[in-house]
PDB file of N, CA and C in Angstrom:
ATOM      1  N   UNK A   1     -12.903 -14.025 -41.334  1.00  0.00           N
ATOM      2  CA  UNK A   1     -11.784 -13.697 -40.464  1.00  0.00           C
ATOM      3  C   UNK A   1     -10.494 -14.108 -41.174  1.00  0.00           C
ATOM      4  N   UNK A   2      -9.552 -13.213 -41.179  1.00  0.00           N
ATOM      5  CA  UNK A   2      -8.306 -13.443 -41.889  1.00  0.00           C
ATOM      6  C   UNK A   2      -7.148 -13.647 -40.920  1.00  0.00           C
ATOM      7  N   UNK A   3      -7.408 -14.366 -39.840  1.00  0.00           N
ATOM      8  CA  UNK A   3      -6.363 -14.576 -38.837  1.00  0.00           C
ATOM      9  C   UNK A   3      -6.423 -16.011 -38.325  1.00  0.00           C
ATOM     10  N   UNK A   4      -5.264 -16.480 -37.891  1.00  0.00           N
ATOM     11  CA  UNK A   4      -5.167 -17.797 -37.263  1.00  0.00           C
ATOM     12  C   UNK A   4      -4.911 -17.546 -35.791  1.00  0.00           C
ATOM     13  N   UNK A   5      -5.782 -18.057 -34.955  1.00  0.00           N
ATOM     14  CA  UNK A   5      -5.678 -17.808 -33.522  1.00  0.00           C
ATOM     15  C   UNK A   5      -5.198 -19.080 -32.833  1.00  0.00           C
ATOM     16  N   UNK A   6      -4.071 -18.968 -32.152  1.00  0.00           N
ATOM     17  CA  UNK A   6      -3.482 -20.077 -31.406  1.00  0.00           C
ATOM     18  C   UNK A   6      -3.328 -19.591 -29.967  1.00  0.00           C
ATOM     19  N   UNK A   7      -4.273 -19.975 -29.136  1.00  0.00           N
ATOM     20  CA  UNK A   7      -4.244 -19.503 -27.748  1.00  0.00           C
ATOM     21  C   UNK A   7      -4.348 -17.986 -27.720  1.00  0.00           C
ATOM     22  N   UNK A   8      -3.434 -17.317 -27.021  1.00  0.00           N
ATOM     23  CA  UNK A   8      -3.484 -15.850 -26.972  1.00  0.00           C
ATOM     24  C   UNK A   8      -2.832 -15.181 -28.184  1.00  0.00           C
ATOM     25  N   UNK A   9      -2.289 -15.959 -29.099  1.00  0.00           N
ATOM     26  CA  UNK A   9      -1.577 -15.426 -30.249  1.00  0.00           C
ATOM     27  C   UNK A   9      -2.487 -15.409 -31.480  1.00  0.00           C
ATOM     28  N   UNK A  10      -2.599 -14.245 -32.110  1.00  0.00           N
ATOM     29  CA  UNK A  10      -3.377 -14.112 -33.341  1.00  0.00           C
ATOM     30  C   UNK A  10      -2.436 -13.651 -34.442  1.00  0.00           C
ATOM     31  N   UNK A  11      -2.328 -14.452 -35.488  1.00  0.00           N
ATOM     32  CA  UNK A  11      -1.456 -14.122 -36.614  1.00  0.00           C
ATOM     33  C   UNK A  11      -2.296 -13.940 -37.872  1.00  0.00           C
ATOM     34  N   UNK A  12      -1.919 -12.965 -38.706  1.00  0.00           N
ATOM     35  CA  UNK A  12      -2.596 -12.881 -40.008  1.00  0.00           C
ATOM     36  C   UNK A  12      -2.372 -14.176 -40.790  1.00  0.00           C
ATOM     37  N   UNK A  13      -3.336 -14.544 -41.594  1.00  0.00           N
ATOM     38  CA  UNK A  13      -3.267 -15.820 -42.313  1.00  0.00           C
ATOM     39  C   UNK A  13      -2.027 -15.919 -43.195  1.00  0.00           C
ATOM     40  N   UNK A  14      -1.668 -14.849 -43.890  1.00  0.00           N
ATOM     41  CA  UNK A  14      -0.487 -14.873 -44.738  1.00  0.00           C
ATOM     42  C   UNK A  14       0.791 -15.084 -43.948  1.00  0.00           C
ATOM     43  N   UNK A  15       0.895 -14.412 -42.821  1.00  0.00           N
ATOM     44  CA  UNK A  15       2.068 -14.579 -41.956  1.00  0.00           C
ATOM     45  C   UNK A  15       2.153 -15.998 -41.421  1.00  0.00           C
ATOM     46  N   UNK A  16       1.020 -16.574 -41.075  1.00  0.00           N
ATOM     47  CA  UNK A  16       0.999 -17.941 -40.573  1.00  0.00           C
ATOM     48  C   UNK A  16       1.489 -18.921 -41.639  1.00  0.00           C
ATOM     49  N   UNK A  17       1.076 -18.719 -42.870  1.00  0.00           N
ATOM     50  CA  UNK A  17       1.511 -19.599 -43.958  1.00  0.00           C
ATOM     51  C   UNK A  17       3.015 -19.484 -44.169  1.00  0.00           C
ATOM     52  N   UNK A  18       3.544 -18.254 -44.148  1.00  0.00           N
ATOM     53  CA  UNK A  18       4.980 -18.055 -44.331  1.00  0.00           C
ATOM     54  C   UNK A  18       5.756 -18.692 -43.185  1.00  0.00           C
ATOM     55  N   UNK A  19       5.323 -18.495 -41.950  1.00  0.00           N
ATOM     56  CA  UNK A  19       6.012 -19.093 -40.804  1.00  0.00           C
ATOM     57  C   UNK A  19       5.948 -20.617 -40.838  1.00  0.00           C
ATOM     58  N   UNK A  20       4.821 -21.166 -41.242  1.00  0.00           N
ATOM     59  CA  UNK A  20       4.697 -22.616 -41.358  1.00  0.00           C
ATOM     60  C   UNK A  20       5.640 -23.152 -42.427  1.00  0.00           C
ATOM     61  N   UNK A  21       5.718 -22.469 -43.554  1.00  0.00           N
ATOM     62  CA  UNK A  21       6.638 -22.882 -44.609  1.00  0.00           C
ATOM     63  C   UNK A  21       8.090 -22.798 -44.169  1.00  0.00           C
ATOM     64  N   UNK A  22       8.440 -21.725 -43.465  1.00  0.00           N
ATOM     65  CA  UNK A  22       9.808 -21.577 -42.963  1.00  0.00           C
ATOM     66  C   UNK A  22      10.144 -22.673 -41.966  1.00  0.00           C
ATOM     67  N   UNK A  23       9.214 -22.980 -41.086  1.00  0.00           N
ATOM     68  CA  UNK A  23       9.424 -24.034 -40.096  1.00  0.00           C
ATOM     69  C   UNK A  23       9.585 -25.398 -40.779  1.00  0.00           C
ATOM     70  N   UNK A  24       8.763 -25.666 -41.776  1.00  0.00           N
ATOM     71  CA  UNK A  24       8.868 -26.937 -42.507  1.00  0.00           C
ATOM     72  C   UNK A  24      10.189 -27.027 -43.266  1.00  0.00           C
ATOM     73  N   UNK A  25      10.623 -25.912 -43.865  1.00  0.00           N
ATOM     74  CA  UNK A  25      11.899 -25.906 -44.586  1.00  0.00           C
ATOM     75  C   UNK A  25      13.061 -26.119 -43.619  1.00  0.00           C
ATOM     76  N   UNK A  26      12.997 -25.524 -42.447  1.00  0.00           N
ATOM     77  CA  UNK A  26      14.059 -25.704 -41.457  1.00  0.00           C
ATOM     78  C   UNK A  26      14.148 -27.148 -40.988  1.00  0.00           C
ATOM     79  N   UNK A  27      13.006 -27.759 -40.717  1.00  0.00           N
ATOM     80  CA  UNK A  27      12.998 -29.156 -40.288  1.00  0.00           C
ATOM     81  C   UNK A  27      13.495 -30.079 -41.399  1.00  0.00           C
ATOM     82  N   UNK A  28      13.097 -29.792 -42.629  1.00  0.00           N
ATOM     83  CA  UNK A  28      13.570 -30.585 -43.761  1.00  0.00           C
ATOM     84  C   UNK A  28      15.074 -30.468 -43.923  1.00  0.00           C
ATOM     85  N   UNK A  29      15.588 -29.247 -43.765  1.00  0.00           N
ATOM     86  CA  UNK A  29      17.031 -29.033 -43.873  1.00  0.00           C
ATOM     87  C   UNK A  29      17.781 -29.808 -42.790  1.00  0.00           C
ATOM     88  N   UNK A  30      17.286 -29.764 -41.562  1.00  0.00           N
ATOM     89  CA  UNK A  30      17.929 -30.520 -40.473  1.00  0.00           C
ATOM     90  C   UNK A  30      17.890 -32.019 -40.744  1.00  0.00           C
ATOM     91  N   UNK A  31      16.771 -32.492 -41.234  1.00  0.00           N
ATOM     92  CA  UNK A  31      16.624 -33.921 -41.514  1.00  0.00           C
ATOM     93  C   UNK A  31      17.627 -34.365 -42.572  1.00  0.00           C
ATOM     94  N   UNK A  32      17.795 -33.574 -43.653  1.00  0.00           N
ATOM     95  CA  UNK A  32      18.735 -33.927 -44.707  1.00  0.00           C
ATOM     96  C   UNK A  32      20.177 -33.770 -44.260  1.00  0.00           C
ATOM     97  N   UNK A  33      20.457 -32.815 -43.373  1.00  0.00           N
ATOM     98  CA  UNK A  33      21.823 -32.659 -42.864  1.00  0.00           C
ATOM     99  C   UNK A  33      22.252 -33.878 -42.058  1.00  0.00           C
ATOM    100  N   UNK A  34      21.333 -34.445 -41.339  1.00  0.00           N
ATOM    101  CA  UNK A  34      21.665 -35.661 -40.570  1.00  0.00           C
ATOM    102  C   UNK A  34      21.967 -36.830 -41.482  1.00  0.00           C
ATOM    103  N   UNK A  35      21.476 -36.795 -42.699  1.00  0.00           N
ATOM    104  CA  UNK A  35      21.749 -37.834 -43.675  1.00  0.00           C
ATOM    105  C   UNK A  35      22.999 -37.518 -44.504  1.00  0.00           C
ATOM    106  N   UNK A  36      23.631 -36.385 -44.193  1.00  0.00           N
ATOM    107  CA  UNK A  36      24.869 -36.030 -44.860  1.00  0.00           C
ATOM    108  C   UNK A  36      24.719 -35.237 -46.140  1.00  0.00           C
ATOM    109  N   UNK A  37      23.529 -34.750 -46.424  1.00  0.00           N
ATOM    110  CA  UNK A  37      23.307 -33.959 -47.638  1.00  0.00           C
ATOM    111  C   UNK A  37      22.912 -32.539 -47.255  1.00  0.00           C
ATOM    112  N   UNK A  38      23.404 -31.571 -47.997  1.00  0.00           N
ATOM    113  CA  UNK A  38      23.086 -30.173 -47.739  1.00  0.00           C
ATOM    114  C   UNK A  38      22.114 -29.676 -48.806  1.00  0.00           C
ATOM    115  N   UNK A  39      21.030 -29.060 -48.361  1.00  0.00           N
ATOM    116  CA  UNK A  39      20.011 -28.618 -49.308  1.00  0.00           C
ATOM    117  C   UNK A  39      19.733 -27.118 -49.215  1.00  0.00           C
ATOM    118  N   UNK A  40      20.620 -26.360 -48.570  1.00  0.00           N
ATOM    119  CA  UNK A  40      20.373 -24.925 -48.425  1.00  0.00           C
ATOM    120  C   UNK A  40      20.238 -24.227 -49.771  1.00  0.00           C
ATOM    121  N   UNK A  41      21.089 -24.606 -50.716  1.00  0.00           N
ATOM    122  CA  UNK A  41      21.032 -23.973 -52.033  1.00  0.00           C
ATOM    123  C   UNK A  41      19.678 -24.214 -52.700  1.00  0.00           C
ATOM    124  N   UNK A  42      19.146 -25.398 -52.557  1.00  0.00           N
ATOM    125  CA  UNK A  42      17.840 -25.717 -53.133  1.00  0.00           C
ATOM    126  C   UNK A  42      16.730 -24.930 -52.455  1.00  0.00           C
ATOM    127  N   UNK A  43      16.797 -24.806 -51.126  1.00  0.00           N
ATOM    128  CA  UNK A  43      15.780 -24.037 -50.411  1.00  0.00           C
ATOM    129  C   UNK A  43      15.818 -22.566 -50.810  1.00  0.00           C
ATOM    130  N   UNK A  44      17.012 -22.013 -50.986  1.00  0.00           N
ATOM    131  CA  UNK A  44      17.125 -20.624 -51.441  1.00  0.00           C
ATOM    132  C   UNK A  44      16.561 -20.472 -52.844  1.00  0.00           C
ATOM    133  N   UNK A  45      16.831 -21.415 -53.707  1.00  0.00           N
ATOM    134  CA  UNK A  45      16.315 -21.366 -55.069  1.00  0.00           C
ATOM    135  C   UNK A  45      14.788 -21.387 -55.081  1.00  0.00           C
ATOM    136  N   UNK A  46      14.213 -22.215 -54.238  1.00  0.00           N
ATOM    137  CA  UNK A  46      12.755 -22.285 -54.140  1.00  0.00           C
ATOM    138  C   UNK A  46      12.187 -20.964 -53.638  1.00  0.00           C
ATOM    139  N   UNK A  47      12.794 -20.390 -52.608  1.00  0.00           N
ATOM    140  CA  UNK A  47      12.309 -19.128 -52.037  1.00  0.00           C
ATOM    141  C   UNK A  47      12.397 -17.992 -53.056  1.00  0.00           C
ATOM    142  N   UNK A  48      13.528 -17.887 -53.736  1.00  0.00           N
ATOM    143  CA  UNK A  48      13.700 -16.815 -54.715  1.00  0.00           C
ATOM    144  C   UNK A  48      12.742 -16.991 -55.888  1.00  0.00           C
ATOM    145  N   UNK A  49      12.536 -18.227 -56.319  1.00  0.00           N
ATOM    146  CA  UNK A  49      11.600 -18.497 -57.405  1.00  0.00           C
ATOM    147  C   UNK A  49      10.176 -18.114 -57.003  1.00  0.00           C
ATOM    148  N   UNK A  50       9.793 -18.409 -55.780  1.00  0.00           N
ATOM    149  CA  UNK A  50       8.449 -18.071 -55.307  1.00  0.00           C
ATOM    150  C   UNK A  50       8.248 -16.556 -55.258  1.00  0.00           C
ATOM    151  N   UNK A  51       9.244 -15.826 -54.777  1.00  0.00           N
ATOM    152  CA  UNK A  51       9.128 -14.368 -54.688  1.00  0.00           C
ATOM    153  C   UNK A  51       9.062 -13.745 -56.082  1.00  0.00           C
ATOM    154  N   UNK A  52       9.949 -14.180 -56.968  1.00  0.00           N
ATOM    155  CA  UNK A  52       9.939 -13.637 -58.329  1.00  0.00           C
ATOM    156  C   UNK A  52       8.648 -14.004 -59.072  1.00  0.00           C
ATOM    157  N   UNK A  53       8.183 -15.227 -58.876  1.00  0.00           N
ATOM    158  CA  UNK A  53       6.940 -15.637 -59.526  1.00  0.00           C
ATOM    159  C   UNK A  53       5.741 -14.837 -59.042  1.00  0.00           C
ATOM    160  N   UNK A  54       5.681 -14.585 -57.742  1.00  0.00           N
ATOM    161  CA  UNK A  54       4.575 -13.803 -57.187  1.00  0.00           C
ATOM    162  C   UNK A  54       4.601 -12.367 -57.701  1.00  0.00           C
ATOM    163  N   UNK A  55       5.793 -11.787 -57.810  1.00  0.00           N
ATOM    164  CA  UNK A  55       5.901 -10.415 -58.319  1.00  0.00           C
ATOM    165  C   UNK A  55       5.541 -10.351 -59.795  1.00  0.00           C
ATOM    166  N   UNK A  56       6.072 -11.293 -60.585  1.00  0.00           N
ATOM    167  CA  UNK A  56       5.772 -11.295 -62.014  1.00  0.00           C
ATOM    168  C   UNK A  56       4.282 -11.510 -62.282  1.00  0.00           C
ATOM    169  N   UNK A  57       3.641 -12.351 -61.488  1.00  0.00           N
ATOM    170  CA  UNK A  57       2.204 -12.577 -61.657  1.00  0.00           C
ATOM    171  C   UNK A  57       1.419 -11.308 -61.344  1.00  0.00           C
ATOM    172  N   UNK A  58       1.830 -10.581 -60.317  1.00  0.00           N
ATOM    173  CA  UNK A  58       1.146  -9.332 -59.962  1.00  0.00           C
ATOM    174  C   UNK A  58       1.319  -8.295 -61.068  1.00  0.00           C
ATOM    175  N   UNK A  59       2.553  -8.156 -61.556  1.00  0.00           N
ATOM    176  CA  UNK A  59       2.816  -7.186 -62.616  1.00  0.00           C
ATOM    177  C   UNK A  59       2.035  -7.559 -63.875  1.00  0.00           C
ATOM    178  N   UNK A  60       1.974  -8.828 -64.206  1.00  0.00           N
ATOM    179  CA  UNK A  60       1.220  -9.274 -65.376  1.00  0.00           C
ATOM    180  C   UNK A  60      -0.267  -8.980 -65.211  1.00  0.00           C
ATOM    181  N   UNK A  61      -0.767  -9.200 -63.996  1.00  0.00           N
ATOM    182  CA  UNK A  61      -2.188  -8.991 -63.717  1.00  0.00           C
ATOM    183  C   UNK A  61      -2.573  -7.517 -63.850  1.00  0.00           C
ATOM    184  N   UNK A  62      -1.700  -6.625 -63.403  1.00  0.00           N
ATOM    185  CA  UNK A  62      -1.985  -5.194 -63.430  1.00  0.00           C
ATOM    186  C   UNK A  62      -1.039  -4.447 -64.372  1.00  0.00           C
ATOM    187  N   UNK A  63      -0.714  -5.036 -65.486  1.00  0.00           N
ATOM    188  CA  UNK A  63       0.269  -4.446 -66.386  1.00  0.00           C
ATOM    189  C   UNK A  63      -0.163  -3.099 -66.952  1.00  0.00           C
ATOM    190  N   UNK A  64      -1.450  -2.863 -67.081  1.00  0.00           N
ATOM    191  CA  UNK A  64      -1.893  -1.573 -67.621  1.00  0.00           C
ATOM    192  C   UNK A  64      -1.775  -0.440 -66.598  1.00  0.00           C
ATOM    193  N   UNK A  65      -1.488  -0.764 -65.341  1.00  0.00           N
ATOM    194  CA  UNK A  65      -1.329   0.257 -64.302  1.00  0.00           C
ATOM    195  C   UNK A  65       0.080   0.834 -64.246  1.00  0.00           C
ATOM    196  N   UNK A  66       1.014   0.203 -64.919  1.00  0.00           N
ATOM    197  CA  UNK A  66       2.415   0.619 -64.861  1.00  0.00           C
ATOM    198  C   UNK A  66       2.784   1.418 -66.108  1.00  0.00           C
ATOM    199  N   UNK A  67       3.478   2.540 -65.873  1.00  0.00           N
ATOM    200  CA  UNK A  67       3.884   3.412 -66.973  1.00  0.00           C
ATOM    201  C   UNK A  67       5.190   2.974 -67.611  1.00  0.00           C
ATOM    202  N   UNK A  68       6.088   2.415 -66.798  1.00  0.00           N
ATOM    203  CA  UNK A  68       7.412   2.061 -67.317  1.00  0.00           C
ATOM    204  C   UNK A  68       7.908   0.780 -66.653  1.00  0.00           C
ATOM    205  N   UNK A  69       9.029   0.272 -67.171  1.00  0.00           N
ATOM    206  CA  UNK A  69       9.641  -0.918 -66.590  1.00  0.00           C
ATOM    207  C   UNK A  69      10.156  -0.623 -65.186  1.00  0.00           C
ATOM    208  N   UNK A  70      10.611   0.587 -64.964  1.00  0.00           N
ATOM    209  CA  UNK A  70      11.126   0.962 -63.649  1.00  0.00           C
ATOM    210  C   UNK A  70      10.019   0.910 -62.593  1.00  0.00           C
ATOM    211  N   UNK A  71       8.824   1.309 -62.970  1.00  0.00           N
ATOM    212  CA  UNK A  71       7.691   1.245 -62.052  1.00  0.00           C
ATOM    213  C   UNK A  71       7.340  -0.205 -61.715  1.00  0.00           C
ATOM    214  N   UNK A  72       7.543  -1.107 -62.666  1.00  0.00           N
ATOM    215  CA  UNK A  72       7.259  -2.523 -62.415  1.00  0.00           C
ATOM    216  C   UNK A  72       8.241  -3.126 -61.411  1.00  0.00           C
ATOM    217  N   UNK A  73       9.444  -2.610 -61.365  1.00  0.00           N
ATOM    218  CA  UNK A  73      10.456  -3.124 -60.439  1.00  0.00           C
ATOM    219  C   UNK A  73      10.305  -2.579 -59.025  1.00  0.00           C
ATOM    220  N   UNK A  74       9.530  -1.524 -58.854  1.00  0.00           N
ATOM    221  CA  UNK A  74       9.348  -0.903 -57.545  1.00  0.00           C
ATOM    222  C   UNK A  74       8.422  -1.762 -56.684  1.00  0.00           C
ATOM    223  N   UNK A  75       8.994  -2.464 -55.699  1.00  0.00           N
ATOM    224  CA  UNK A  75       8.199  -3.399 -54.889  1.00  0.00           C
ATOM    225  C   UNK A  75       7.471  -2.712 -53.738  1.00  0.00           C
ATOM    226  N   UNK A  76       7.611  -1.406 -53.623  1.00  0.00           N
ATOM    227  CA  UNK A  76       6.949  -0.697 -52.529  1.00  0.00           C
ATOM    228  C   UNK A  76       5.440  -0.626 -52.693  1.00  0.00           C
ATOM    229  N   UNK A  77       4.922  -0.993 -53.857  1.00  0.00           N
ATOM    230  CA  UNK A  77       3.479  -0.980 -54.048  1.00  0.00           C
ATOM    231  C   UNK A  77       2.800  -2.188 -53.410  1.00  0.00           C
ATOM    232  N   UNK A  78       3.581  -3.093 -52.847  1.00  0.00           N
ATOM    233  CA  UNK A  78       3.006  -4.250 -52.166  1.00  0.00           C
ATOM    234  C   UNK A  78       2.459  -5.289 -53.127  1.00  0.00           C
ATOM    235  N   UNK A  79       2.971  -5.320 -54.319  1.00  0.00           N
ATOM    236  CA  UNK A  79       2.432  -6.186 -55.356  1.00  0.00           C
ATOM    237  C   UNK A  79       3.020  -7.580 -55.355  1.00  0.00           C
ATOM    238  N   UNK A  80       2.303  -8.500 -54.745  1.00  0.00           N
ATOM    239  CA  UNK A  80       2.668  -9.913 -54.748  1.00  0.00           C
ATOM    240  C   UNK A  80       1.361 -10.673 -54.906  1.00  0.00           C
ATOM    241  N   UNK A  81       1.287 -11.536 -55.887  1.00  0.00           N
ATOM    242  CA  UNK A  81       0.062 -12.305 -56.107  1.00  0.00           C
ATOM    243  C   UNK A  81       0.399 -13.775 -55.929  1.00  0.00           C
ATOM    244  N   UNK A  82      -0.260 -14.424 -54.990  1.00  0.00           N
ATOM    245  CA  UNK A  82       0.117 -15.768 -54.551  1.00  0.00           C
ATOM    246  C   UNK A  82       0.106 -16.823 -55.648  1.00  0.00           C
ATOM    247  N   UNK A  83      -0.771 -16.788 -56.654  1.00  0.00           N
ATOM    248  CA  UNK A  83      -0.683 -17.839 -57.676  1.00  0.00           C
ATOM    249  C   UNK A  83       0.664 -17.872 -58.393  1.00  0.00           C
ATOM    250  N   UNK A  84       1.318 -16.739 -58.463  1.00  0.00           N
ATOM    251  CA  UNK A  84       2.644 -16.719 -59.082  1.00  0.00           C
ATOM    252  C   UNK A  84       3.668 -17.482 -58.288  1.00  0.00           C
ATOM    253  N   UNK A  85       3.478 -17.564 -56.982  1.00  0.00           N
ATOM    254  CA  UNK A  85       4.411 -18.307 -56.130  1.00  0.00           C
ATOM    255  C   UNK A  85       4.337 -19.813 -56.386  1.00  0.00           C
ATOM    256  N   UNK A  86       3.278 -20.264 -57.039  1.00  0.00           N
ATOM    257  CA  UNK A  86       3.144 -21.680 -57.332  1.00  0.00           C
ATOM    258  C   UNK A  86       4.190 -22.152 -58.344  1.00  0.00           C
ATOM    259  N   UNK A  87       4.868 -21.190 -58.980  1.00  0.00           N
ATOM    260  CA  UNK A  87       5.965 -21.529 -59.891  1.00  0.00           C
ATOM    261  C   UNK A  87       7.037 -22.294 -59.121  1.00  0.00           C
ATOM    262  N   UNK A  88       7.184 -22.004 -57.847  1.00  0.00           N
ATOM    263  CA  UNK A  88       8.199 -22.662 -57.029  1.00  0.00           C
ATOM    264  C   UNK A  88       7.934 -24.155 -56.874  1.00  0.00           C
ATOM    265  N   UNK A  89       6.710 -24.592 -57.106  1.00  0.00           N
ATOM    266  CA  UNK A  89       6.417 -26.024 -57.013  1.00  0.00           C
ATOM    267  C   UNK A  89       7.181 -26.812 -58.074  1.00  0.00           C
ATOM    268  N   UNK A  90       7.416 -26.176 -59.192  1.00  0.00           N
ATOM    269  CA  UNK A  90       8.163 -26.851 -60.256  1.00  0.00           C
ATOM    270  C   UNK A  90       9.627 -27.028 -59.872  1.00  0.00           C
ATOM    271  N   UNK A  91      10.126 -26.140 -59.041  1.00  0.00           N
ATOM    272  CA  UNK A  91      11.534 -26.226 -58.616  1.00  0.00           C
ATOM    273  C   UNK A  91      11.663 -27.368 -57.643  1.00  0.00           C
TER     274      UNK A  91
END
């Protein structure tokens, strides 16, 4: 089963992970704001790094399927591979 069921609510596992991460980032941001530090720029950097890493990992994994560089940039193919998002851990 690829869903997380919370009472009457059923969420796909990937969506649940993204929502949990967003909720944790929001709480972390609020906690740091109360201490007088702003971390929005860092959170954006982490998010962008994760998205780019996931896309680059997918393109690398299926590089023989792409005819040109323009085809690699087309995100409509749904190409995101989660191990690439682990690059954001370094950030």
